[in-house]
C-alpha atoms as a PDB file:
ATOM      1  CA  MET A   1       0.000   0.000   0.000  1.00  0.00           C
ATOM      2  CA  GLN A   2       1.368   3.429  -0.973  1.00  0.00           C
ATOM      3  CA  THR A   3       2.251   5.902   1.701  1.00  0.00           C
ATOM      4  CA  ILE A   4       0.864   9.447   1.907  1.00  0.00           C
ATOM      5  CA  GLY A   5       4.048  10.875   0.439  1.00  0.00           C
ATOM      6  CA  GLU A   6       4.147   8.423  -2.465  1.00  0.00           C
ATOM      7  CA  ARG A   7       0.559   9.230  -3.392  1.00  0.00           C
ATOM      8  CA  LEU A   8       1.237  12.958  -3.255  1.00  0.00           C
ATOM      9  CA  GLU A   9       4.378  12.660  -5.375  1.00  0.00           C
ATOM     10  CA  GLU A  10       2.689  10.393  -7.915  1.00  0.00           C
ATOM     11  CA  ALA A  11      -0.303  12.778  -8.286  1.00  0.00           C
ATOM     12  CA  ARG A  12       2.029  15.768  -8.740  1.00  0.00           C
ATOM     13  CA  LYS A  13       4.146  14.061 -11.387  1.00  0.00           C
ATOM     14  CA  LYS A  14       1.069  12.891 -13.302  1.00  0.00           C
ATOM     15  CA  LYS A  15       0.069  16.549 -13.634  1.00  0.00           C
ATOM     16  CA  GLY A  16       3.579  17.470 -14.775  1.00  0.00           C
ATOM     17  CA  ILE A  17       4.018  20.012 -11.980  1.00  0.00           C
ATOM     18  CA  SER A  18       7.313  20.691 -10.271  1.00  0.00           C
ATOM     19  CA  ILE A  19       7.734  21.302  -6.545  1.00  0.00           C
ATOM     20  CA  ARG A  20       8.415  24.971  -7.254  1.00  0.00           C
ATOM     21  CA  GLU A  21       5.245  25.371  -9.285  1.00  0.00           C
ATOM     22  CA  ALA A  22       3.195  23.617  -6.607  1.00  0.00           C
ATOM     23  CA  ALA A  23       4.683  25.867  -3.919  1.00  0.00           C
ATOM     24  CA  GLU A  24       3.813  29.018  -5.914  1.00  0.00           C
ATOM     25  CA  ALA A  25       0.266  27.803  -6.512  1.00  0.00           C
ATOM     26  CA  THR A  26      -0.477  26.689  -2.937  1.00  0.00           C
ATOM     27  CA  LYS A  27       1.649  29.332  -1.157  1.00  0.00           C
ATOM     28  CA  ILE A  28       3.312  26.517   0.851  1.00  0.00           C
ATOM     29  CA  ARG A  29       7.086  26.385   1.142  1.00  0.00           C
ATOM     30  CA  GLY A  30       8.732  23.967  -1.275  1.00  0.00           C
ATOM     31  CA  ASP A  31      10.812  22.231   1.428  1.00  0.00           C
ATOM     32  CA  TYR A  32       7.579  21.441   3.306  1.00  0.00           C
ATOM     33  CA  LEU A  33       6.111  19.841   0.186  1.00  0.00           C
ATOM     34  CA  GLN A  34       9.285  17.804  -0.350  1.00  0.00           C
ATOM     35  CA  LYS A  35       9.112  16.545   3.229  1.00  0.00           C
ATOM     36  CA  PHE A  36       5.421  15.642   2.829  1.00  0.00           C
ATOM     37  CA  GLU A  37       6.258  13.580  -0.275  1.00  0.00           C
ATOM     38  CA  GLY A  38       9.046  11.947   1.723  1.00  0.00           C
ATOM     39  CA  ASN A  39       6.587  11.103   4.548  1.00  0.00           C
ATOM     40  CA  GLN A  40       8.335  13.568   6.865  1.00  0.00           C
ATOM     41  CA  PHE A  41       5.669  15.558   8.679  1.00  0.00           C
ATOM     42  CA  ASP A  42       7.805  16.998  11.465  1.00  0.00           C
ATOM     43  CA  ILE A  43       8.397  20.439   9.908  1.00  0.00           C
ATOM     44  CA  GLY A  44       8.664  22.411  13.138  1.00  0.00           C
ATOM     45  CA  LEU A  45       5.062  23.681  13.088  1.00  0.00           C
ATOM     46  CA  SER A  46       2.046  22.742  15.163  1.00  0.00           C
ATOM     47  CA  ASP A  47      -0.143  19.868  14.060  1.00  0.00           C
ATOM     48  CA  ILE A  48      -2.975  22.176  12.969  1.00  0.00           C
ATOM     49  CA  TYR A  49      -0.669  23.757  10.350  1.00  0.00           C
ATOM     50  CA  VAL A  50       0.526  20.374   9.129  1.00  0.00           C
ATOM     51  CA  ARG A  51      -3.048  19.189   8.676  1.00  0.00           C
ATOM     52  CA  GLY A  52      -4.005  22.439   6.940  1.00  0.00           C
ATOM     53  CA  PHE A  53      -1.063  22.221   4.515  1.00  0.00           C
ATOM     54  CA  LEU A  54      -1.835  18.569   3.752  1.00  0.00           C
ATOM     55  CA  ARG A  55      -5.482  19.423   3.061  1.00  0.00           C
ATOM     56  CA  ASN A  56      -4.555  22.308   0.754  1.00  0.00           C
ATOM     57  CA  TYR A  57      -1.899  20.320  -1.094  1.00  0.00           C
ATOM     58  CA  ALA A  58      -4.216  17.343  -1.624  1.00  0.00           C
ATOM     59  CA  ALA A  59      -7.002  19.635  -2.861  1.00  0.00           C
ATOM     60  CA  PHE A  60      -4.549  21.298  -5.284  1.00  0.00           C
ATOM     61  CA  LEU A  61      -3.616  17.854  -6.680  1.00  0.00           C
ATOM     62  CA  LYS A  62      -7.332  16.904  -6.973  1.00  0.00           C
ATOM     63  CA  MET A  63      -6.923  14.160  -4.377  1.00  0.00           C
ATOM     64  CA  PRO A  64      -9.418  13.184  -1.627  1.00  0.00           C
ATOM     65  CA  SER A  65      -8.146  15.448   1.164  1.00  0.00           C
ATOM     66  CA  ASP A  66     -10.291  13.734   3.829  1.00  0.00           C
ATOM     67  CA  ARG A  67      -8.685  10.387   3.089  1.00  0.00           C
ATOM     68  CA  ILE A  68      -5.187  11.909   3.239  1.00  0.00           C
ATOM     69  CA  LEU A  69      -5.971  13.432   6.659  1.00  0.00           C
ATOM     70  CA  ASN A  70      -7.443  10.152   7.921  1.00  0.00           C
ATOM     71  CA  ASP A  71      -4.278   8.316   6.880  1.00  0.00           C
ATOM     72  CA  TYR A  72      -2.199  11.027   8.550  1.00  0.00           C
ATOM     73  CA  THR A  73      -4.215  10.610  11.770  1.00  0.00           C
ATOM     74  CA  ALA A  74      -3.757   6.833  11.564  1.00  0.00           C
ATOM     75  CA  LEU A  75       0.004   7.370  11.755  1.00  0.00           C
ATOM     76  CA  GLY A  76      -0.501   8.487  15.378  1.00  0.00           C
ATOM     77  CA  ARG A  77       0.284  12.119  14.595  1.00  0.00           C
ATOM     78  CA  GLY A  78      -3.193  13.440  15.304  1.00  0.00           C
ATOM     79  CA  GLU A  79      -3.625  16.343  17.579  1.00  0.00           C
ATOM     80  CA  SER A  80      -3.500  15.471  21.292  1.00  0.00           C
ATOM     81  CA  ARG A  81      -4.341  17.575  24.308  1.00  0.00           C
ATOM     82  CA  SER A  82      -0.715  17.834  25.392  1.00  0.00           C
ATOM     83  CA  SER A  83       0.362  19.161  21.977  1.00  0.00           C
ATOM     84  CA  ARG A  84      -2.242  21.902  21.789  1.00  0.00           C
ATOM     85  CA  PRO A  85      -0.957  25.463  22.175  1.00  0.00           C
ATOM     86  CA  PRO A  86      -1.789  27.319  25.378  1.00  0.00           C
ATOM     87  CA  VAL A  87      -4.937  29.382  25.703  1.00  0.00           C
ATOM     88  CA  ARG A  88      -4.262  33.121  25.481  1.00  0.00           C
ATOM     89  CA  GLU A  89      -6.567  35.723  26.956  1.00  0.00           C
ATOM     90  CA  GLY A  90      -6.725  39.316  25.885  1.00  0.00           C
ATOM     91  CA  TYR A  91      -9.244  42.145  25.728  1.00  0.00           C
ATOM     92  CA  GLY A  92     -11.978  39.973  27.209  1.00  0.00           C
ATOM     93  CA  ARG A  93     -11.782  37.293  24.495  1.00  0.00           C
ATOM     94  CA  THR A  94     -10.292  33.814  24.596  1.00  0.00           C
ATOM     95  CA  GLY A  95      -8.952  31.830  21.725  1.00  0.00           C
ATOM     96  CA  ILE A  96      -6.210  29.498  20.554  1.00  0.00           C
ATOM     97  CA  ALA A  97      -3.091  31.352  19.511  1.00  0.00           C
ATOM     98  CA  PRO A  98      -1.818  29.727  16.291  1.00  0.00           C
ATOM     99  CA  ALA A  99       1.857  29.383  15.605  1.00  0.00           C
ATOM    100  CA  PRO A 100       3.341  32.102  13.433  1.00  0.00           C
ATOM    101  CA  SER A 101       3.398  31.303   9.739  1.00  0.00           C
ATOM    102  CA  GLU A 102       6.430  31.606   7.547  1.00  0.00           C
ATOM    103  CA  PRO A 103       6.540  34.385   4.946  1.00  0.00           C
ATOM    104  CA  GLY A 104       4.811  33.425   1.695  1.00  0.00           C
ATOM    105  CA  GLU A 105       2.695  30.690   3.313  1.00  0.00           C
ATOM    106  CA  SER A 106      -1.067  30.629   3.292  1.00  0.00           C
ATOM    107  CA  ALA A 107      -2.887  30.114   6.538  1.00  0.00           C
ATOM    108  CA  PRO A 108      -4.471  26.694   7.002  1.00  0.00           C
ATOM    109  CA  PRO A 109      -8.223  26.433   7.098  1.00  0.00           C
ATOM    110  CA  PRO A 110      -9.832  27.187  10.467  1.00  0.00           C
ATOM    111  CA  VAL A 111     -10.697  24.269  12.733  1.00  0.00           C
ATOM    112  CA  GLU A 112     -14.320  24.195  13.788  1.00  0.00           C
ATOM    113  CA  ALA A 113     -14.917  24.359  17.512  1.00  0.00           C
ATOM    114  CA  SER A 114     -16.359  21.192  18.960  1.00  0.00           C
ATOM    115  CA  ALA A 115     -19.500  21.184  21.022  1.00  0.00           C
ATOM    116  CA  ASP A 116     -17.608  19.705  23.986  1.00  0.00           C
ATOM    117  CA  PRO A 117     -14.183  21.401  24.346  1.00  0.00           C
ATOM    118  CA  GLY A 118     -13.320  19.299  27.340  1.00  0.00           C
ATOM    119  CA  PRO A 119     -12.826  20.092  30.994  1.00  0.00           C
ATOM    120  CA  GLY A 120     -10.945  23.272  31.814  1.00  0.00           C
ATOM    121  CA  ARG A 121     -11.058  24.609  28.256  1.00  0.00           C
ATOM    122  CA  VAL A 122     -12.945  27.597  26.957  1.00  0.00           C
ATOM    123  CA  PRO A 123     -14.382  27.224  23.456  1.00  0.00           C
ATOM    124  CA  PRO A 124     -13.238  29.931  21.041  1.00  0.00           C
ATOM    125  CA  ARG A 125     -15.791  32.472  19.948  1.00  0.00           C
ATOM    126  CA  ARG A 126     -16.938  32.350  16.391  1.00  0.00           C
ATOM    127  CA  SER A 127     -16.293  35.475  14.411  1.00  0.00           C
ATOM    128  CA  ILE A 128     -19.353  37.142  12.970  1.00  0.00           C
ATOM    129  CA  SER A 129     -18.935  38.634   9.537  1.00  0.00           C
ATOM    130  CA  PRO A 130     -20.348  42.162   9.165  1.00  0.00           C
ATOM    131  CA  PRO A 131     -23.387  42.456   6.925  1.00  0.00           C
ATOM    132  CA  ALA A 132     -22.646  43.253   3.328  1.00  0.00           C
ATOM    133  CA  LEU A 133     -23.152  46.912   2.546  1.00  0.00           C
ATOM    134  CA  PRO A 134     -25.297  47.817  -0.456  1.00  0.00           C
ATOM    135  CA  THR A 135     -23.414  48.891  -3.547  1.00  0.00           C
ATOM    136  CA  GLY A 136     -24.418  51.280  -6.298  1.00  0.00           C
ATOM    137  CA  PRO A 137     -26.160  54.672  -6.165  1.00  0.00           C
ATOM    138  CA  ASP A 138     -28.640  55.473  -3.439  1.00  0.00           C
ATOM    139  CA  PRO A 139     -32.230  55.134  -4.775  1.00  0.00           C
ATOM    140  CA  ALA A 140     -33.327  58.053  -2.596  1.00  0.00           C
ATOM    141  CA  VAL A 141     -30.758  60.345  -4.209  1.00  0.00           C
ATOM    142  CA  ILE A 142     -31.806  59.216  -7.697  1.00  0.00           C
ATOM    143  CA  PHE A 143     -35.480  59.827  -6.900  1.00  0.00           C
ATOM    144  CA  ARG A 144     -34.643  63.311  -5.556  1.00  0.00           C
ATOM    145  CA  TRP A 145     -32.816  64.250  -8.767  1.00  0.00           C
ATOM    146  CA  VAL A 146     -35.648  62.879 -10.913  1.00  0.00           C
ATOM    147  CA  LYS A 147     -38.143  65.061  -9.031  1.00  0.00           C
ATOM    148  CA  PHE A 148     -35.900  68.097  -9.466  1.00  0.00           C
ATOM    149  CA  GLY A 149     -35.550  67.481 -13.224  1.00  0.00           C
ATOM    150  CA  ALA A 150     -39.315  67.044 -13.645  1.00  0.00           C
ATOM    151  CA  ALA A 151     -39.944  70.315 -11.770  1.00  0.00           C
ATOM    152  CA  VAL A 152     -37.490  72.204 -14.007  1.00  0.00           C
ATOM    153  CA  ILE A 153     -39.053  70.807 -17.201  1.00  0.00           C
ATOM    154  CA  GLY A 154     -42.565  71.659 -15.947  1.00  0.00           C
ATOM    155  CA  PHE A 155     -41.497  75.245 -15.158  1.00  0.00           C
ATOM    156  CA  ILE A 156     -39.988  75.697 -18.638  1.00  0.00           C
ATOM    157  CA  ILE A 157     -43.174  74.403 -20.304  1.00  0.00           C
ATOM    158  CA  LEU A 158     -45.335  76.733 -18.167  1.00  0.00           C
ATOM    159  CA  VAL A 159     -43.215  79.784 -19.076  1.00  0.00           C
ATOM    160  CA  TRP A 160     -43.395  78.853 -22.750  1.00  0.00           C
ATOM    161  CA  LEU A 161     -47.198  78.515 -22.650  1.00  0.00           C
ATOM    162  CA  ILE A 162     -47.642  81.879 -20.909  1.00  0.00           C
ATOM    163  CA  LYS A 163     -45.298  83.584 -23.350  1.00  0.00           C
ATOM    164  CA  SER A 164     -47.105  82.041 -26.327  1.00  0.00           C
ATOM    165  CA  LEU A 165     -50.515  83.221 -25.078  1.00  0.00           C
ATOM    166  CA  PHE A 166     -49.406  86.815 -24.421  1.00  0.00           C
ATOM    167  CA  TRP A 167     -47.427  86.995 -27.650  1.00  0.00           C
ATOM    168  CA  SER A 168     -50.295  85.745 -29.825  1.00  0.00           C
ATOM    169  CA  SER A 169     -52.787  88.158 -28.208  1.00  0.00           C
ATOM    170  CA  SER A 170     -50.555  91.237 -28.468  1.00  0.00           C
ATOM    171  CA  SER A 171     -49.001  90.712 -31.902  1.00  0.00           C
ATOM    172  CA  PRO A 172     -50.926  92.063 -34.949  1.00  0.00           C
ATOM    173  CA  ALA A 173     -52.381  89.744 -37.518  1.00  0.00           C
ATOM    174  CA  PRO A 174     -49.921  88.943 -40.291  1.00  0.00           C
ATOM    175  CA  THR A 175     -50.377  90.782 -43.579  1.00  0.00           C
ATOM    176  CA  PRO A 176     -50.565  88.596 -46.710  1.00  0.00           C
ATOM    177  CA  ALA A 177     -47.428  88.644 -48.804  1.00  0.00           C
ATOM    178  CA  GLY A 178     -47.426  91.336 -51.457  1.00  0.00           C
ATOM    179  CA  LYS A 179     -50.163  93.400 -49.789  1.00  0.00           C
ATOM    180  CA  ALA A 180     -49.761  96.378 -47.539  1.00  0.00           C
ATOM    181  CA  PRO A 181     -52.299  97.196 -44.817  1.00  0.00           C
ATOM    182  CA  ALA A 182     -55.340  99.043 -46.112  1.00  0.00           C
ATOM    183  CA  ALA A 183     -54.531 102.129 -44.040  1.00  0.00           C
ATOM    184  CA  ALA A 184     -51.007 102.255 -45.438  1.00  0.00           C
ATOM    185  CA  ARG A 185     -51.933 101.815 -49.149  1.00  0.00           C
ATOM    186  CA  ALA A 186     -51.778 104.994 -51.255  1.00  0.00           C
ATOM    187  CA  PRO A 187     -54.612 105.555 -53.787  1.00  0.00           C
ATOM    188  CA  VAL A 188     -53.731 104.521 -57.350  1.00  0.00           C
ATOM    189  CA  LEU A 189     -55.202 104.497 -60.818  1.00  0.00           C
ATOM    190  CA  GLY A 190     -55.006 101.293 -62.820  1.00  0.00           C
ATOM    191  CA  PHE A 191     -55.452 101.029 -66.602  1.00  0.00           C
ATOM    192  CA  TYR A 192     -56.071  97.623 -68.235  1.00  0.00           C
ATOM    193  CA  ALA A 193     -56.221  97.429 -72.067  1.00  0.00           C
ATOM    194  CA  THR A 194     -58.594  95.030 -73.778  1.00  0.00           C
ATOM    195  CA  ASN A 195     -57.270  96.132 -77.168  1.00  0.00           C
ATOM    196  CA  THR A 196     -54.533  98.428 -78.404  1.00  0.00           C
ATOM    197  CA  VAL A 197     -55.201 101.892 -77.038  1.00  0.00           C
ATOM    198  CA  LYS A 198     -53.308 105.118 -76.285  1.00  0.00           C
ATOM    199  CA  VAL A 199     -53.815 106.527 -72.772  1.00  0.00           C
ATOM    200  CA  THR A 200     -52.844 109.983 -71.472  1.00  0.00           C
ATOM    201  CA  VAL A 201     -53.228 111.216 -67.888  1.00  0.00           C
ATOM    202  CA  LYS A 202     -52.577 114.823 -66.883  1.00  0.00           C
ATOM    203  CA  LYS A 203     -52.731 116.558 -63.556  1.00  0.00           C
ATOM    204  CA  LYS A 204     -55.699 118.958 -63.110  1.00  0.00           C
ATOM    205  CA  LEU A 205     -54.776 122.329 -61.727  1.00  0.00           C
ATOM    206  CA  PRO A 206     -56.996 124.414 -59.378  1.00  0.00           C
ATOM    207  CA  ASN A 207     -57.899 126.767 -62.254  1.00  0.00           C
ATOM    208  CA  GLU A 208     -59.184 123.845 -64.323  1.00  0.00           C
ATOM    209  CA  ALA A 209     -56.086 123.981 -66.535  1.00  0.00           C
ATOM    210  CA  GLU A 210     -54.083 120.945 -67.488  1.00  0.00           C
ATOM    211  CA  GLY A 211     -50.868 120.426 -65.602  1.00  0.00           C
ATOM    212  CA  GLU A 212     -48.109 117.839 -65.467  1.00  0.00           C
ATOM    213  CA  VAL A 213     -48.404 114.730 -67.633  1.00  0.00           C
ATOM    214  CA  LEU A 214     -48.618 111.743 -65.322  1.00  0.00           C
ATOM    215  CA  LEU A 215     -48.972 109.041 -67.988  1.00  0.00           C
ATOM    216  CA  ALA A 216     -48.622 108.932 -71.769  1.00  0.00           C
ATOM    217  CA  THR A 217     -48.373 105.402 -73.148  1.00  0.00           C
ATOM    218  CA  THR A 218     -49.835 102.956 -75.624  1.00  0.00           C
ATOM    219  CA  LEU A 219     -51.120  99.728 -74.166  1.00  0.00           C
ATOM    220  CA  ALA A 220     -51.494  96.530 -76.162  1.00  0.00           C
ATOM    221  CA  ALA A 221     -54.259  94.060 -75.413  1.00  0.00           C
ATOM    222  CA  GLY A 222     -53.684  92.510 -72.002  1.00  0.00           C
ATOM    223  CA  GLU A 223     -51.224  95.142 -70.829  1.00  0.00           C
ATOM    224  CA  SER A 224     -51.782  97.290 -67.754  1.00  0.00           C
ATOM    225  CA  LYS A 225     -50.370 100.379 -66.073  1.00  0.00           C
ATOM    226  CA  VAL A 226     -50.756 101.679 -62.515  1.00  0.00           C
ATOM    227  CA  ILE A 227     -49.915 105.251 -61.381  1.00  0.00           C
ATOM    228  CA  PRO A 228     -50.332 107.058 -58.051  1.00  0.00           C
ATOM    229  CA  ARG A 229     -53.540 109.033 -57.649  1.00  0.00           C
ATOM    230  CA  THR A 230     -52.443 112.230 -55.916  1.00  0.00           C
ATOM    231  CA  GLY A 231     -55.280 114.511 -56.926  1.00  0.00           C
ATOM    232  CA  ALA A 232     -57.822 115.319 -59.628  1.00  0.00           C
ATOM    233  CA  VAL A 233     -56.678 114.294 -63.113  1.00  0.00           C
ATOM    234  CA  TYR A 234     -57.700 114.464 -66.749  1.00  0.00           C
ATOM    235  CA  VAL A 235     -57.912 111.086 -68.532  1.00  0.00           C
ATOM    236  CA  GLU A 236     -57.865 110.745 -72.316  1.00  0.00           C
ATOM    237  CA  ALA A 237     -57.933 107.568 -74.462  1.00  0.00           C
ATOM    238  CA  SER A 238     -57.864 106.976 -78.181  1.00  0.00           C
ATOM    239  CA  ARG A 239     -60.686 104.434 -77.747  1.00  0.00           C
ATOM    240  CA  ALA A 240     -62.164 104.667 -74.257  1.00  0.00           C
ATOM    241  CA  GLU A 241     -64.078 101.402 -74.698  1.00  0.00           C
ATOM    242  CA  PHE A 242     -60.770  99.532 -75.140  1.00  0.00           C
ATOM    243  CA  VAL A 243     -59.508 100.291 -71.624  1.00  0.00           C
ATOM    244  CA  ASP A 244     -60.770  99.467 -68.134  1.00  0.00           C
ATOM    245  CA  ILE A 245     -59.902 101.715 -65.227  1.00  0.00           C
ATOM    246  CA  GLU A 246     -59.600 100.750 -61.532  1.00  0.00           C
ATOM    247  CA  ILE A 247     -60.472 103.401 -58.917  1.00  0.00           C
ATOM    248  CA  ASP A 248     -60.550 102.696 -55.176  1.00  0.00           C
ATOM    249  CA  GLY A 249     -60.369  98.966 -55.822  1.00  0.00           C
ATOM    250  CA  LYS A 250     -63.328  99.037 -58.209  1.00  0.00           C
ATOM    251  CA  ARG A 251     -62.849  98.259 -61.886  1.00  0.00           C
ATOM    252  CA  ALA A 252     -65.051  99.592 -64.729  1.00  0.00           C
ATOM    253  CA  ASN A 253     -64.827 100.390 -68.439  1.00  0.00           C
ATOM    254  CA  LEU A 254     -63.567 103.926 -69.126  1.00  0.00           C
ATOM    255  CA  GLY A 255     -66.045 104.401 -71.989  1.00  0.00           C
ATOM    256  CA  THR A 256     -68.901 103.608 -69.617  1.00  0.00           C
ATOM    257  CA  ILE A 257     -67.571 106.057 -67.022  1.00  0.00           C
ATOM    258  CA  LEU A 258     -67.154 108.922 -69.573  1.00  0.00           C
ATOM    259  CA  GLY A 259     -70.400 108.108 -71.407  1.00  0.00           C
ATOM    260  CA  ASN A 260     -71.813 109.305 -74.702  1.00  0.00           C
ATOM    261  CA  GLY A 261     -68.746 108.187 -76.655  1.00  0.00           C
ATOM    262  CA  TYR A 262     -66.463 110.715 -74.992  1.00  0.00           C
ATOM    263  CA  GLN A 263     -62.799 109.862 -75.102  1.00  0.00           C
ATOM    264  CA  ARG A 264     -61.753 112.409 -72.505  1.00  0.00           C
ATOM    265  CA  GLY A 265     -62.895 113.266 -69.006  1.00  0.00           C
ATOM    266  CA  GLN A 266     -61.804 114.184 -65.522  1.00  0.00           C
ATOM    267  CA  LEU A 267     -61.592 112.171 -62.336  1.00  0.00           C
ATOM    268  CA  PRO A 268     -61.908 113.791 -58.900  1.00  0.00           C
ATOM    269  CA  ALA A 269     -59.203 113.687 -56.284  1.00  0.00           C
ATOM    270  CA  PRO A 270     -59.249 110.757 -53.837  1.00  0.00           C
ATOM    271  CA  LYS A 271     -61.186 111.317 -50.587  1.00  0.00           C
END
């Protein structure tokens, strides 16, 4: 039957791992591992460290650690009362003071306290891990910022609505493109030819005499001419029935306005 050391060495070699690599992976000194594989378990440390190192080394080699420890106990090297370290008291707590570990070594797994520690012994207190603190942002802070952002957006929308209402009520109605407001439009005279016709417009003076010539042109069919209407004028056409005239937005035939076949007449000043 193979010894503990032979089984450990055989498992390590099957994995192709050197003592140095095993020591780096398990954080156990290489000379300790060599002694374990040589069935030398007296390494100058307490039995609890030896058992912890054996357990860790067997677990690293994928071996049944419980069986290795049972075989180690069967060698008569199990922990006895006389070999246990003394109980140390301090700051109101009692516990077993473990032997100092060598640099680079990992601490062996803790030994569970038994229900019956034996006469004259005080069971060690179990350490209680502090509750895990929540991670991530505080939901209360997030909710507070969300409320603040919603209030700011609501205020901006309210200001925009109030401004839109006051602006629409106080601003004048838009004027269609190409048209000036009725109050701002100056009176004009418009001439629209239905056939070729010669049109002459002269300013009427206070003494009924003819004044400045405002328009003297020949219009072809479909052509038009618009001049300012600044006062009373004389209008003359070669064929009055061939031209329509627009006065104060109303359009009529010049021959109809002059009547009786007249080709010349006067138009009063705008009101």
